Each structure stands twice: as structure tokens, then as C-alpha cells.
C-alpha atoms as a PDB file:
ATOM      1  CA  MET A   1      -0.010   0.003  -0.005  1.00  0.00           C
ATOM      2  CA  ASN A   2       2.817   2.383   0.916  1.00  0.00           C
ATOM      3  CA  GLN A   3       4.573   1.424  -2.326  1.00  0.00           C
ATOM      4  CA  THR A   4       1.425   2.227  -4.325  1.00  0.00           C
ATOM      5  CA  HIS A   5       1.127   5.674  -2.664  1.00  0.00           C
ATOM      6  CA  ALA A   6       4.784   6.315  -3.387  1.00  0.00           C
ATOM      7  CA  HIS A   7       4.289   5.557  -7.077  1.00  0.00           C
ATOM      8  CA  ILE A   8       1.256   7.826  -7.246  1.00  0.00           C
ATOM      9  CA  ALA A   9       3.156  10.639  -5.565  1.00  0.00           C
ATOM     10  CA  TYR A  10       6.102  10.119  -7.947  1.00  0.00           C
ATOM     11  CA  TYR A  11       3.912  10.296 -11.062  1.00  0.00           C
ATOM     12  CA  PHE A  12       2.082  13.335  -9.599  1.00  0.00           C
ATOM     13  CA  VAL A  13       5.392  15.198  -9.179  1.00  0.00           C
ATOM     14  CA  LEU A  14       6.392  14.298 -12.797  1.00  0.00           C
ATOM     15  CA  VAL A  15       3.068  15.570 -14.188  1.00  0.00           C
ATOM     16  CA  SER A  16       3.353  18.791 -12.184  1.00  0.00           C
ATOM     17  CA  LEU A  17       6.901  19.379 -13.418  1.00  0.00           C
ATOM     18  CA  SER A  18       5.844  18.706 -17.018  1.00  0.00           C
ATOM     19  CA  ILE A  19       3.009  21.177 -16.815  1.00  0.00           C
ATOM     20  CA  SER A  20       5.262  23.755 -15.255  1.00  0.00           C
ATOM     21  CA  LEU A  21       7.857  23.322 -17.989  1.00  0.00           C
ATOM     22  CA  ILE A  22       5.193  23.702 -20.695  1.00  0.00           C
ATOM     23  CA  VAL A  23       3.863  26.893 -19.120  1.00  0.00           C
ATOM     24  CA  LEU A  24       7.354  28.284 -18.676  1.00  0.00           C
ATOM     25  CA  THR A  25       8.261  27.484 -22.291  1.00  0.00           C
ATOM     26  CA  ILE A  26       5.160  29.271 -23.565  1.00  0.00           C
ATOM     27  CA  PHE A  27       5.881  32.295 -21.374  1.00  0.00           C
ATOM     28  CA  LEU A  28       9.515  32.548 -22.474  1.00  0.00           C
ATOM     29  CA  TYR A  29       8.530  32.162 -26.112  1.00  0.00           C
ATOM     30  CA  ARG A  30       6.068  35.030 -25.914  1.00  0.00           C
ATOM     31  CA  PHE A  31       8.390  37.217 -23.786  1.00  0.00           C
ATOM     32  CA  CYS A  32      11.476  36.739 -25.934  1.00  0.00           C
ATOM     33  CA  LYS A  33       9.761  36.672 -29.268  1.00  0.00           C
ATOM     34  CA  LYS A  34      11.738  38.953 -31.583  1.00  0.00           C
ATOM     35  CA  LYS A  35       9.981  42.190 -32.476  1.00  0.00           C
ATOM     36  CA  PRO A  36       9.584  42.820 -36.199  1.00  0.00           C
ATOM     37  CA  VAL A  37      12.278  45.051 -37.619  1.00  0.00           C
ATOM     38  CA  GLU A  38      11.098  48.575 -38.256  1.00  0.00           C
ATOM     39  CA  SER A  39      11.023  49.611 -41.860  1.00  0.00           C
ATOM     40  CA  GLU A  40      13.096  52.546 -43.006  1.00  0.00           C
ATOM     41  CA  GLU A  41       9.920  54.561 -43.258  1.00  0.00           C
ATOM     42  CA  THR A  42       9.240  54.211 -39.511  1.00  0.00           C
ATOM     43  CA  LEU A  43      12.780  55.003 -38.314  1.00  0.00           C
ATOM     44  CA  PRO A  44      13.433  58.603 -37.131  1.00  0.00           C
ATOM     45  CA  ILE A  45      15.002  60.708 -39.826  1.00  0.00           C
ATOM     46  CA  LYS A  46      17.471  63.555 -39.280  1.00  0.00           C
ATOM     47  CA  LEU A  47      16.238  66.424 -41.375  1.00  0.00           C
ATOM     48  CA  CYS A  48      18.832  68.800 -42.736  1.00  0.00           C
ATOM     49  CA  ALA A  49      18.578  72.563 -42.426  1.00  0.00           C
ATOM     50  CA  ARG A  50      15.562  74.169 -44.067  1.00  0.00           C
ATOM     51  CA  ALA A  51      15.981  76.968 -46.584  1.00  0.00           C
ATOM     52  CA  TYR A  52      14.118  80.156 -45.619  1.00  0.00           C
ATOM     53  CA  LEU A  53      13.303  83.098 -47.812  1.00  0.00           C
ATOM     54  CA  LEU A  54      15.004  86.300 -46.723  1.00  0.00           C
ATOM     55  CA  THR A  55      11.579  87.908 -46.463  1.00  0.00           C
ATOM     56  CA  ASP A  56      10.638  85.272 -43.837  1.00  0.00           C
ATOM     57  CA  ILE A  57      13.766  86.043 -41.820  1.00  0.00           C
ATOM     58  CA  ASP A  58      13.185  89.765 -42.153  1.00  0.00           C
ATOM     59  CA  ALA A  59       9.626  89.366 -40.817  1.00  0.00           C
ATOM     60  CA  ALA A  60      10.803  87.046 -38.011  1.00  0.00           C
ATOM     61  CA  THR A  61      13.269  89.649 -36.698  1.00  0.00           C
ATOM     62  CA  ASP A  62      11.106  92.790 -37.346  1.00  0.00           C
ATOM     63  CA  GLY A  63      13.494  93.899 -40.058  1.00  0.00           C
ATOM     64  CA  PHE A  64      16.599  92.973 -38.036  1.00  0.00           C
ATOM     65  CA  ASN A  65      15.450  95.340 -35.308  1.00  0.00           C
ATOM     66  CA  HIS A  66      18.260  96.278 -32.926  1.00  0.00           C
ATOM     67  CA  ARG A  67      15.973  95.508 -29.993  1.00  0.00           C
ATOM     68  CA  ARG A  68      16.055  91.902 -31.109  1.00  0.00           C
ATOM     69  CA  ILE A  69      19.836  91.628 -30.787  1.00  0.00           C
ATOM     70  CA  VAL A  70      20.837  88.938 -28.251  1.00  0.00           C
ATOM     71  CA  GLY A  71      24.496  88.605 -29.119  1.00  0.00           C
ATOM     72  CA  GLN A  72      27.370  89.796 -31.289  1.00  0.00           C
ATOM     73  CA  GLY A  73      30.531  87.970 -32.261  1.00  0.00           C
ATOM     74  CA  ARG A  74      33.346  87.772 -34.751  1.00  0.00           C
ATOM     75  CA  LEU A  75      31.102  86.276 -37.448  1.00  0.00           C
ATOM     76  CA  GLY A  76      28.027  88.415 -37.104  1.00  0.00           C
ATOM     77  CA  THR A  77      25.029  89.545 -35.039  1.00  0.00           C
ATOM     78  CA  VAL A  78      22.476  87.219 -33.452  1.00  0.00           C
ATOM     79  CA  TYR A  79      18.800  88.185 -33.293  1.00  0.00           C
ATOM     80  CA  ALA A  80      15.857  86.634 -31.475  1.00  0.00           C
ATOM     81  CA  GLY A  81      13.323  85.696 -34.116  1.00  0.00           C
ATOM     82  CA  VAL A  82       9.844  84.241 -34.281  1.00  0.00           C
ATOM     83  CA  LEU A  83       8.934  81.923 -37.174  1.00  0.00           C
ATOM     84  CA  GLU A  84       5.891  79.996 -38.351  1.00  0.00           C
ATOM     85  CA  GLU A  85       3.111  82.287 -37.166  1.00  0.00           C
ATOM     86  CA  GLY A  86       4.664  82.983 -33.786  1.00  0.00           C
ATOM     87  CA  GLU A  87       5.031  79.406 -32.717  1.00  0.00           C
ATOM     88  CA  VAL A  88       8.825  78.914 -33.005  1.00  0.00           C
ATOM     89  CA  VAL A  89      11.389  81.125 -31.301  1.00  0.00           C
ATOM     90  CA  VAL A  90      14.814  80.912 -33.003  1.00  0.00           C
ATOM     91  CA  ALA A  91      18.227  82.528 -32.900  1.00  0.00           C
ATOM     92  CA  VAL A  92      19.099  84.206 -36.232  1.00  0.00           C
ATOM     93  CA  LYS A  93      22.772  84.795 -36.930  1.00  0.00           C
ATOM     94  CA  ARG A  94      23.291  87.432 -39.638  1.00  0.00           C
ATOM     95  CA  ILE A  95      26.812  87.007 -41.047  1.00  0.00           C
ATOM     96  CA  LEU A  96      28.902  90.186 -41.402  1.00  0.00           C
ATOM     97  CA  SER A  97      28.659  91.602 -44.885  1.00  0.00           C
ATOM     98  CA  ARG A  98      32.467  91.685 -45.356  1.00  0.00           C
ATOM     99  CA  LEU A  99      32.604  87.988 -44.627  1.00  0.00           C
ATOM    100  CA  VAL A 100      29.749  87.344 -47.074  1.00  0.00           C
ATOM    101  CA  LEU A 101      31.662  89.178 -49.818  1.00  0.00           C
ATOM    102  CA  SER A 102      34.899  87.350 -49.139  1.00  0.00           C
ATOM    103  CA  ASN A 103      33.080  83.993 -49.333  1.00  0.00           C
ATOM    104  CA  ALA A 104      30.786  84.847 -52.245  1.00  0.00           C
ATOM    105  CA  GLY A 105      31.791  81.771 -54.286  1.00  0.00           C
ATOM    106  CA  PHE A 106      31.708  79.325 -51.374  1.00  0.00           C
ATOM    107  CA  ARG A 107      28.933  76.724 -51.092  1.00  0.00           C
ATOM    108  CA  PHE A 108      27.340  78.183 -47.979  1.00  0.00           C
ATOM    109  CA  SER A 109      24.134  76.162 -48.159  1.00  0.00           C
ATOM    110  CA  THR A 110      26.015  72.866 -48.617  1.00  0.00           C
ATOM    111  CA  MET A 111      28.153  73.477 -45.531  1.00  0.00           C
ATOM    112  CA  ILE A 112      25.210  74.523 -43.330  1.00  0.00           C
ATOM    113  CA  LYS A 113      23.170  71.511 -44.390  1.00  0.00           C
ATOM    114  CA  SER A 114      26.058  69.215 -43.477  1.00  0.00           C
ATOM    115  CA  LEU A 115      26.459  70.885 -40.064  1.00  0.00           C
ATOM    116  CA  SER A 116      22.727  70.658 -39.399  1.00  0.00           C
ATOM    117  CA  PHE A 117      22.875  66.860 -39.164  1.00  0.00           C
ATOM    118  CA  ALA A 118      24.620  67.253 -35.790  1.00  0.00           C
ATOM    119  CA  GLN A 119      22.137  66.394 -33.080  1.00  0.00           C
ATOM    120  CA  HIS A 120      23.236  66.128 -29.430  1.00  0.00           C
ATOM    121  CA  PRO A 121      21.932  67.354 -26.069  1.00  0.00           C
ATOM    122  CA  HIS A 122      25.018  69.548 -25.593  1.00  0.00           C
ATOM    123  CA  ILE A 123      25.073  71.391 -28.906  1.00  0.00           C
ATOM    124  CA  VAL A 124      22.794  74.074 -30.370  1.00  0.00           C
ATOM    125  CA  PRO A 125      21.062  72.588 -33.440  1.00  0.00           C
ATOM    126  CA  ILE A 126      21.126  74.422 -36.774  1.00  0.00           C
ATOM    127  CA  ILE A 127      17.625  74.308 -38.139  1.00  0.00           C
ATOM    128  CA  GLY A 128      17.719  76.565 -41.191  1.00  0.00           C
ATOM    129  CA  TYR A 129      19.508  79.102 -43.330  1.00  0.00           C
ATOM    130  CA  SER A 130      18.864  81.835 -45.856  1.00  0.00           C
ATOM    131  CA  GLU A 131      21.015  83.259 -48.599  1.00  0.00           C
ATOM    132  CA  ALA A 132      20.537  86.175 -50.946  1.00  0.00           C
ATOM    133  CA  PRO A 133      22.827  88.696 -52.624  1.00  0.00           C
ATOM    134  CA  GLY A 134      24.950  90.186 -49.832  1.00  0.00           C
ATOM    135  CA  GLU A 135      23.190  88.095 -47.160  1.00  0.00           C
ATOM    136  CA  ARG A 136      24.023  84.821 -45.374  1.00  0.00           C
ATOM    137  CA  ILE A 137      21.793  83.794 -42.437  1.00  0.00           C
ATOM    138  CA  ILE A 138      21.973  80.852 -40.077  1.00  0.00           C
ATOM    139  CA  VAL A 139      18.866  79.864 -38.085  1.00  0.00           C
ATOM    140  CA  MET A 140      19.459  77.982 -34.828  1.00  0.00           C
ATOM    141  CA  GLU A 141      17.468  76.737 -31.908  1.00  0.00           C
ATOM    142  CA  PHE A 142      16.955  79.484 -29.334  1.00  0.00           C
ATOM    143  CA  VAL A 143      18.679  78.714 -25.992  1.00  0.00           C
ATOM    144  CA  GLY A 144      16.880  80.558 -23.216  1.00  0.00           C
ATOM    145  CA  MET A 145      19.785  81.826 -21.124  1.00  0.00           C
ATOM    146  CA  ALA A 146      23.105  83.625 -21.644  1.00  0.00           C
ATOM    147  CA  SER A 147      26.593  82.471 -22.451  1.00  0.00           C
ATOM    148  CA  LEU A 148      29.209  81.176 -20.015  1.00  0.00           C
ATOM    149  CA  ASP A 149      31.199  84.331 -20.831  1.00  0.00           C
ATOM    150  CA  PHE A 150      28.341  86.495 -19.609  1.00  0.00           C
ATOM    151  CA  TYR A 151      28.051  84.704 -16.278  1.00  0.00           C
ATOM    152  CA  LEU A 152      31.772  84.550 -15.598  1.00  0.00           C
ATOM    153  CA  HIS A 153      32.878  87.968 -16.804  1.00  0.00           C
ATOM    154  CA  GLN A 154      29.960  90.363 -17.423  1.00  0.00           C
ATOM    155  CA  ASN A 155      27.205  89.773 -14.876  1.00  0.00           C
ATOM    156  CA  PRO A 156      28.240  90.949 -11.379  1.00  0.00           C
ATOM    157  CA  ASP A 157      26.075  88.290  -9.800  1.00  0.00           C
ATOM    158  CA  GLY A 158      26.791  85.629 -12.396  1.00  0.00           C
ATOM    159  CA  ALA A 159      29.775  84.085 -10.704  1.00  0.00           C
ATOM    160  CA  THR A 160      27.806  83.246  -7.585  1.00  0.00           C
ATOM    161  CA  LEU A 161      25.026  81.720  -9.684  1.00  0.00           C
ATOM    162  CA  LEU A 162      27.597  79.364 -11.113  1.00  0.00           C
ATOM    163  CA  ASP A 163      28.688  77.515  -7.985  1.00  0.00           C
ATOM    164  CA  TRP A 164      31.409  74.856  -8.223  1.00  0.00           C
ATOM    165  CA  SER A 165      28.848  72.110  -8.905  1.00  0.00           C
ATOM    166  CA  ASN A 166      27.269  74.069 -11.788  1.00  0.00           C
ATOM    167  CA  ARG A 167      30.686  74.971 -13.214  1.00  0.00           C
ATOM    168  CA  LEU A 168      31.758  71.341 -13.258  1.00  0.00           C
ATOM    169  CA  LYS A 169      28.423  70.344 -14.821  1.00  0.00           C
ATOM    170  CA  ILE A 170      28.864  72.978 -17.556  1.00  0.00           C
ATOM    171  CA  ALA A 171      32.449  71.913 -18.220  1.00  0.00           C
ATOM    172  CA  ALA A 172      31.503  68.248 -18.557  1.00  0.00           C
ATOM    173  CA  GLY A 173      28.534  69.012 -20.790  1.00  0.00           C
ATOM    174  CA  ALA A 174      30.617  71.193 -23.110  1.00  0.00           C
ATOM    175  CA  ALA A 175      33.246  68.465 -23.294  1.00  0.00           C
ATOM    176  CA  ARG A 176      30.601  65.907 -24.316  1.00  0.00           C
ATOM    177  CA  GLY A 177      29.298  68.277 -27.008  1.00  0.00           C
ATOM    178  CA  LEU A 178      32.781  68.801 -28.465  1.00  0.00           C
ATOM    179  CA  GLU A 179      33.548  65.042 -28.216  1.00  0.00           C
ATOM    180  CA  TYR A 180      30.411  64.364 -30.245  1.00  0.00           C
ATOM    181  CA  LEU A 181      31.495  66.869 -32.946  1.00  0.00           C
ATOM    182  CA  HIS A 182      35.030  65.435 -33.070  1.00  0.00           C
ATOM    183  CA  GLU A 183      34.227  61.760 -32.858  1.00  0.00           C
ATOM    184  CA  GLY A 184      30.495  61.172 -33.240  1.00  0.00           C
ATOM    185  CA  MET A 185      29.897  62.956 -36.525  1.00  0.00           C
ATOM    186  CA  THR A 186      30.861  61.695 -39.995  1.00  0.00           C
ATOM    187  CA  PRO A 187      32.664  63.661 -41.302  1.00  0.00           C
ATOM    188  CA  ASN A 188      34.091  64.949 -38.011  1.00  0.00           C
ATOM    189  CA  ILE A 189      33.384  68.607 -37.244  1.00  0.00           C
ATOM    190  CA  VAL A 190      36.103  70.946 -35.999  1.00  0.00           C
ATOM    191  CA  HIS A 191      34.576  73.773 -34.000  1.00  0.00           C
ATOM    192  CA  GLY A 192      37.239  76.307 -34.813  1.00  0.00           C
ATOM    193  CA  CYS A 193      36.496  78.833 -32.053  1.00  0.00           C
ATOM    194  CA  VAL A 194      36.098  77.175 -28.615  1.00  0.00           C
ATOM    195  CA  LYS A 195      35.642  79.881 -25.985  1.00  0.00           C
ATOM    196  CA  ALA A 196      33.246  80.907 -23.208  1.00  0.00           C
ATOM    197  CA  SER A 197      31.049  83.110 -25.440  1.00  0.00           C
ATOM    198  CA  ASN A 198      30.288  80.080 -27.621  1.00  0.00           C
ATOM    199  CA  ILE A 199      29.113  77.939 -24.682  1.00  0.00           C
ATOM    200  CA  LEU A 200      25.458  78.776 -24.061  1.00  0.00           C
ATOM    201  CA  ILE A 201      23.664  77.774 -20.860  1.00  0.00           C
ATOM    202  CA  ASP A 202      19.997  76.773 -20.805  1.00  0.00           C
ATOM    203  CA  VAL A 203      17.514  77.167 -17.924  1.00  0.00           C
ATOM    204  CA  LYS A 204      18.818  73.987 -16.283  1.00  0.00           C
ATOM    205  CA  PHE A 205      22.453  75.135 -16.456  1.00  0.00           C
ATOM    206  CA  CYS A 206      23.101  72.641 -19.243  1.00  0.00           C
ATOM    207  CA  ALA A 207      25.947  73.601 -21.532  1.00  0.00           C
ATOM    208  CA  ARG A 208      25.195  73.930 -25.254  1.00  0.00           C
ATOM    209  CA  VAL A 209      28.027  74.362 -27.732  1.00  0.00           C
ATOM    210  CA  SER A 210      27.258  76.869 -30.521  1.00  0.00           C
ATOM    211  CA  ASP A 211      28.931  78.281 -33.644  1.00  0.00           C
ATOM    212  CA  TYR A 212      30.620  74.980 -34.466  1.00  0.00           C
ATOM    213  CA  GLY A 213      32.085  74.333 -37.901  1.00  0.00           C
ATOM    214  CA  LEU A 214      31.790  77.963 -39.068  1.00  0.00           C
ATOM    215  CA  SER A 215      35.484  78.703 -39.419  1.00  0.00           C
ATOM    216  CA  PHE A 216      35.073  78.383 -43.227  1.00  0.00           C
ATOM    217  CA  LEU A 217      33.345  81.808 -43.055  1.00  0.00           C
ATOM    218  CA  ALA A 218      36.420  83.478 -41.615  1.00  0.00           C
ATOM    219  CA  SER A 219      39.385  81.235 -42.345  1.00  0.00           C
ATOM    220  CA  GLN A 220      41.758  84.216 -42.288  1.00  0.00           C
ATOM    221  CA  GLU A 221      39.991  86.048 -39.489  1.00  0.00           C
ATOM    222  CA  LYS A 222      42.085  86.085 -36.311  1.00  0.00           C
ATOM    223  CA  LYS A 223      40.040  88.626 -34.368  1.00  0.00           C
ATOM    224  CA  GLY A 224      38.318  86.985 -31.412  1.00  0.00           C
ATOM    225  CA  LEU A 225      40.522  83.877 -31.624  1.00  0.00           C
ATOM    226  CA  MET A 226      43.789  85.066 -30.116  1.00  0.00           C
ATOM    227  CA  GLY A 227      44.327  83.566 -26.720  1.00  0.00           C
ATOM    228  CA  TYR A 228      42.096  80.587 -27.545  1.00  0.00           C
ATOM    229  CA  VAL A 229      44.332  78.966 -30.137  1.00  0.00           C
ATOM    230  CA  ASP A 230      47.948  77.890 -30.105  1.00  0.00           C
ATOM    231  CA  ASP A 231      50.724  79.456 -32.139  1.00  0.00           C
ATOM    232  CA  GLU A 232      50.304  77.123 -35.074  1.00  0.00           C
ATOM    233  CA  ALA A 233      48.005  78.046 -37.925  1.00  0.00           C
ATOM    234  CA  GLY A 234      44.770  76.401 -38.983  1.00  0.00           C
ATOM    235  CA  ALA A 235      41.507  75.163 -37.445  1.00  0.00           C
ATOM    236  CA  CYS A 236      41.918  71.598 -36.172  1.00  0.00           C
ATOM    237  CA  LYS A 237      40.840  69.307 -33.373  1.00  0.00           C
ATOM    238  CA  GLU A 238      44.013  70.021 -31.451  1.00  0.00           C
ATOM    239  CA  ASN A 239      43.251  73.745 -31.433  1.00  0.00           C
ATOM    240  CA  ASP A 240      39.734  72.975 -30.176  1.00  0.00           C
ATOM    241  CA  VAL A 241      41.349  71.048 -27.326  1.00  0.00           C
ATOM    242  CA  TYR A 242      43.575  74.021 -26.556  1.00  0.00           C
ATOM    243  CA  GLY A 243      40.601  76.401 -26.535  1.00  0.00           C
ATOM    244  CA  PHE A 244      38.748  74.034 -24.211  1.00  0.00           C
ATOM    245  CA  GLY A 245      41.740  74.040 -21.873  1.00  0.00           C
ATOM    246  CA  VAL A 246      41.585  77.834 -21.733  1.00  0.00           C
ATOM    247  CA  LEU A 247      37.846  77.538 -21.060  1.00  0.00           C
ATOM    248  CA  LEU A 248      38.538  75.238 -18.086  1.00  0.00           C
ATOM    249  CA  LEU A 249      41.032  77.768 -16.706  1.00  0.00           C
ATOM    250  CA  GLU A 250      38.365  80.472 -16.948  1.00  0.00           C
ATOM    251  CA  ILE A 251      35.866  78.225 -15.162  1.00  0.00           C
ATOM    252  CA  LEU A 252      38.392  77.476 -12.372  1.00  0.00           C
ATOM    253  CA  SER A 253      39.775  80.972 -11.895  1.00  0.00           C
ATOM    254  CA  GLY A 254      36.960  83.274 -13.010  1.00  0.00           C
ATOM    255  CA  ARG A 255      39.571  85.260 -14.962  1.00  0.00           C
ATOM    256  CA  LEU A 256      39.201  86.388 -18.555  1.00  0.00           C
ATOM    257  CA  GLU A 257      41.611  85.234 -21.260  1.00  0.00           C
ATOM    258  CA  SER A 258      43.274  87.918 -23.317  1.00  0.00           C
ATOM    259  CA  GLU A 259      45.050  88.079 -26.624  1.00  0.00           C
ATOM    260  CA  GLU A 260      48.389  87.940 -24.833  1.00  0.00           C
ATOM    261  CA  LYS A 261      47.501  84.559 -23.341  1.00  0.00           C
ATOM    262  CA  LEU A 262      48.038  85.994 -19.870  1.00  0.00           C
ATOM    263  CA  LEU A 263      45.649  83.524 -18.270  1.00  0.00           C
ATOM    264  CA  VAL A 264      47.626  80.516 -19.501  1.00  0.00           C
ATOM    265  CA  LYS A 265      50.955  82.071 -18.497  1.00  0.00           C
ATOM    266  CA  TRP A 266      49.550  82.913 -15.073  1.00  0.00           C
ATOM    267  CA  ALA A 267      47.786  79.612 -14.391  1.00  0.00           C
ATOM    268  CA  LEU A 268      50.288  76.976 -15.527  1.00  0.00           C
ATOM    269  CA  PRO A 269      52.924  77.801 -12.840  1.00  0.00           C
ATOM    270  CA  LEU A 270      50.259  77.719 -10.148  1.00  0.00           C
ATOM    271  CA  ILE A 271      49.142  74.276 -11.298  1.00  0.00           C
ATOM    272  CA  LYS A 272      52.692  73.018 -11.509  1.00  0.00           C
ATOM    273  CA  ASP A 273      53.469  74.217  -7.968  1.00  0.00           C
ATOM    274  CA  MET A 274      50.140  72.878  -6.602  1.00  0.00           C
ATOM    275  CA  ARG A 275      49.025  76.356  -5.459  1.00  0.00           C
ATOM    276  CA  PHE A 276      45.351  75.667  -6.143  1.00  0.00           C
ATOM    277  CA  SER A 277      43.985  77.988  -3.481  1.00  0.00           C
ATOM    278  CA  GLU A 278      45.467  80.857  -5.552  1.00  0.00           C
ATOM    279  CA  LEU A 279      44.041  79.483  -8.796  1.00  0.00           C
ATOM    280  CA  LEU A 280      40.406  79.083  -7.817  1.00  0.00           C
ATOM    281  CA  ASP A 281      37.864  81.915  -8.295  1.00  0.00           C
ATOM    282  CA  PRO A 282      38.077  84.064  -5.111  1.00  0.00           C
ATOM    283  CA  ARG A 283      34.413  85.028  -5.538  1.00  0.00           C
ATOM    284  CA  LEU A 284      33.439  81.542  -4.420  1.00  0.00           C
ATOM    285  CA  VAL A 285      34.128  79.680  -1.203  1.00  0.00           C
ATOM    286  CA  ILE A 286      37.108  77.362  -1.618  1.00  0.00           C
ATOM    287  CA  PRO A 287      35.673  73.794  -1.634  1.00  0.00           C
ATOM    288  CA  SER A 288      36.601  71.540   1.286  1.00  0.00           C
ATOM    289  CA  ASP A 289      37.665  68.751  -1.062  1.00  0.00           C
ATOM    290  CA  LEU A 290      40.142  70.130  -3.557  1.00  0.00           C
ATOM    291  CA  ASN A 291      40.869  66.786  -5.250  1.00  0.00           C
ATOM    292  CA  PRO A 292      38.288  67.111  -8.082  1.00  0.00           C
ATOM    293  CA  PHE A 293      39.518  70.615  -8.901  1.00  0.00           C
ATOM    294  CA  VAL A 294      43.138  69.524  -8.814  1.00  0.00           C
ATOM    295  CA  ARG A 295      42.267  66.918 -11.394  1.00  0.00           C
ATOM    296  CA  LEU A 296      40.313  69.463 -13.434  1.00  0.00           C
ATOM    297  CA  ALA A 297      43.234  71.885 -13.354  1.00  0.00           C
ATOM    298  CA  LYS A 298      45.621  69.129 -14.450  1.00  0.00           C
ATOM    299  CA  ALA A 299      43.266  68.314 -17.347  1.00  0.00           C
ATOM    300  CA  ALA A 300      43.329  71.985 -18.346  1.00  0.00           C
ATOM    301  CA  SER A 301      47.116  71.992 -18.135  1.00  0.00           C
ATOM    302  CA  ALA A 302      47.372  68.983 -20.434  1.00  0.00           C
ATOM    303  CA  CYS A 303      45.153  70.780 -22.979  1.00  0.00           C
ATOM    304  CA  VAL A 304      47.133  74.020 -23.093  1.00  0.00           C
ATOM    305  CA  GLY A 305      50.565  73.009 -21.860  1.00  0.00           C
ATOM    306  CA  ASN A 306      51.414  70.315 -24.331  1.00  0.00           C
ATOM    307  CA  SER A 307      52.300  70.333 -28.008  1.00  0.00           C
ATOM    308  CA  ARG A 308      49.609  69.326 -30.510  1.00  0.00           C
ATOM    309  CA  LYS A 309      50.984  65.803 -30.697  1.00  0.00           C
ATOM    310  CA  SER A 310      50.856  65.333 -26.915  1.00  0.00           C
ATOM    311  CA  ARG A 311      47.417  66.890 -26.231  1.00  0.00           C
ATOM    312  CA  PRO A 312      44.612  64.574 -25.119  1.00  0.00           C
ATOM    313  CA  SER A 313      41.626  64.067 -27.411  1.00  0.00           C
ATOM    314  CA  MET A 314      38.257  65.553 -26.556  1.00  0.00           C
ATOM    315  CA  GLY A 315      37.055  62.017 -25.842  1.00  0.00           C
ATOM    316  CA  GLN A 316      39.780  61.601 -23.234  1.00  0.00           C
ATOM    317  CA  VAL A 317      39.040  64.984 -21.693  1.00  0.00           C
ATOM    318  CA  ALA A 318      35.278  64.244 -21.618  1.00  0.00           C
ATOM    319  CA  ALA A 319      35.904  60.922 -19.848  1.00  0.00           C
ATOM    320  CA  ILE A 320      37.818  62.714 -17.065  1.00  0.00           C
ATOM    321  CA  LEU A 321      35.150  65.385 -16.666  1.00  0.00           C
ATOM    322  CA  ASN A 322      32.314  62.874 -16.710  1.00  0.00           C
ATOM    323  CA  SER A 323      33.989  61.035 -13.818  1.00  0.00           C
ATOM    324  CA  LEU A 324      34.469  64.284 -11.884  1.00  0.00           C
ATOM    325  CA  GLU A 325      30.885  65.377 -12.500  1.00  0.00           C
ATOM    326  CA  MET A 326      29.607  62.064 -11.090  1.00  0.00           C
ATOM    327  CA  GLU A 327      31.748  62.508  -7.961  1.00  0.00           C
ATOM    328  CA  VAL A 328      30.872  66.148  -7.265  1.00  0.00           C
ATOM    329  CA  CYS A 329      27.381  66.674  -8.593  1.00  0.00           C
ATOM    330  CA  PHE A 330      25.620  63.470  -7.512  1.00  0.00           C
END
């Protein structure tokens, strides 16, 4: 009798296990079933820059009204514009007329379309352009706050708004944006003018790199570049790295670079001698843990203190800053 009960129990266990395996197999099949591949029509498409009529741009900026000016630089003047029946706020860069004349035969629209394929959280997208006799216009996404240059050097209260945590966040974000341009785009994009006025900051203190790839408009124009490039000629990735190193020194010290490269000459000996309390912006309280800023300063030194061959890539710099951001900001 006991043997009969044992057999029954044994077969009951086998049946239960079999049912469980069947149920599990059905579940796994449904869970792991491969999703159908999306057709090319359903995949997101990166649209290149749209061509606008000059009359549309004129209307969007109220005839390039001076009250609409939000920035001026070595390439031209930037206006706040409103397109498409008041629904889209944009930044409109009107290229200087002398640069338009000197590049009259250049394929402006082709270059802008190529640059407009760049899409990244830490760059300002190019969404359109306009060209007419004597006019070259670039239409970009409007970033709601000012440049890093404004906060560090122009706004009396700006430095305190940018505490050490925000400064490190901005530096890391800008590095990721430049890394994307250098290594994530095909063909790679050289910025050509990396400096604080070309790093915009949105409402969440997120860095957005602007004016990238536009050096073709002013290949011989040195105004506004001196102090942010090395002594060798030509726009290249290595010069972008140099400019980013200067940018890091400005973030650390709060000092403005000059055409004589006084900031670099002043900062490098302090970094070499480990005199970091003298290097850091005196408008902010010296942080209790100096280690992240020591590493940031050494990264800046590697960018500006080495020859082109010995400089780190933007990918290497971004990796260092990403690590520092995780340590300090989270």
C-alpha cells in the first residue's frame, strides 16, 4: 500500500513538473519573441537645415530690429526671431557683410546643411539658413539663457550663480558636446572657435556648444581667436582642445583670457606648484575637497601646456570630466 502511494506521488510530481515546464516554455517564447524590424519609413530621420526666404527672416526679426539683438561675435550679429506664425522662437545669426563678400563663391548652403545633421543634447542645433545677394543667415534653436562668458565675466552676480557644482556640470557638458562633434559625426566637425562666449547655458544650467564648424566663413579672421588657439595656424581638433583648456582655466579661476595669453601664463605655474587656493575663483568659497579641482586643473594643463601631438583628445578629456561630475554633482 505504501509502495502504491509512493508511485502515485512520484507520477504526480512528474506531471506537475511537465505542466510547469510547458507553461514556462510558452511564457519565455512570448516574452522573448523577436519584435519585427522597423522599416526605413518608420525610423526617425534627421532632417537637414531648411531653406528660408530672406523675407521670412526679415519678418521674423522685425526687419533685423536692434531691439532683437541677443549677441554679437566675430562672425556676425544674433537676433531673437519668431517663425511660423509666432510658434517657433529661433536665434538668427546674420553674417557680417564683409565675410559674405569674401566667401561669395563658397557653397554656404552645402556646408550649413552638413552641419545641421549634428544632433546632441550639448550642442545648439542648426535648423535653417537663408542666402541672398549680400546676405548669409543661419537659423538655430533658441537657448533661453546667456553664455558662459556673460556669467563669468559680465554679470556681477553671475559668478555666484555658477557655484562649483554648476561649473563642473557645464564643463563636462561642453566636453561631451565637443567630443560628439570630433568623434560622433561623419565627417568629423572641427569647432574652430572654442571659448566661453560660444558655450550657451539653458535654464537647467546645461551647456550647449554653438557656432561649431563655421570657421570656413572666416578662415583668415584672427580677431576673437587670439588667446584661444595655439601658435600654429589652422583650425583643427588640437586647437579645439587648446581652446577648451583655456575655457577650463576660466571656469576654475573666473579670470578672462586675453590676446596675450596671460591667463595661461599665469595659471600653468600655479598648477605646476600645486598652489590651487590661488588658482580658484576668489568670488566663491574654496571647496573643502580640492581633489576634483586639482584633477580638473591638471586636465586643463594637459590641454594648453602640451604640443599638438601630446594633447589629449576631446574624448579623453570628456571621460575625465564625466567622472568628476559624477563625484561632485551626484
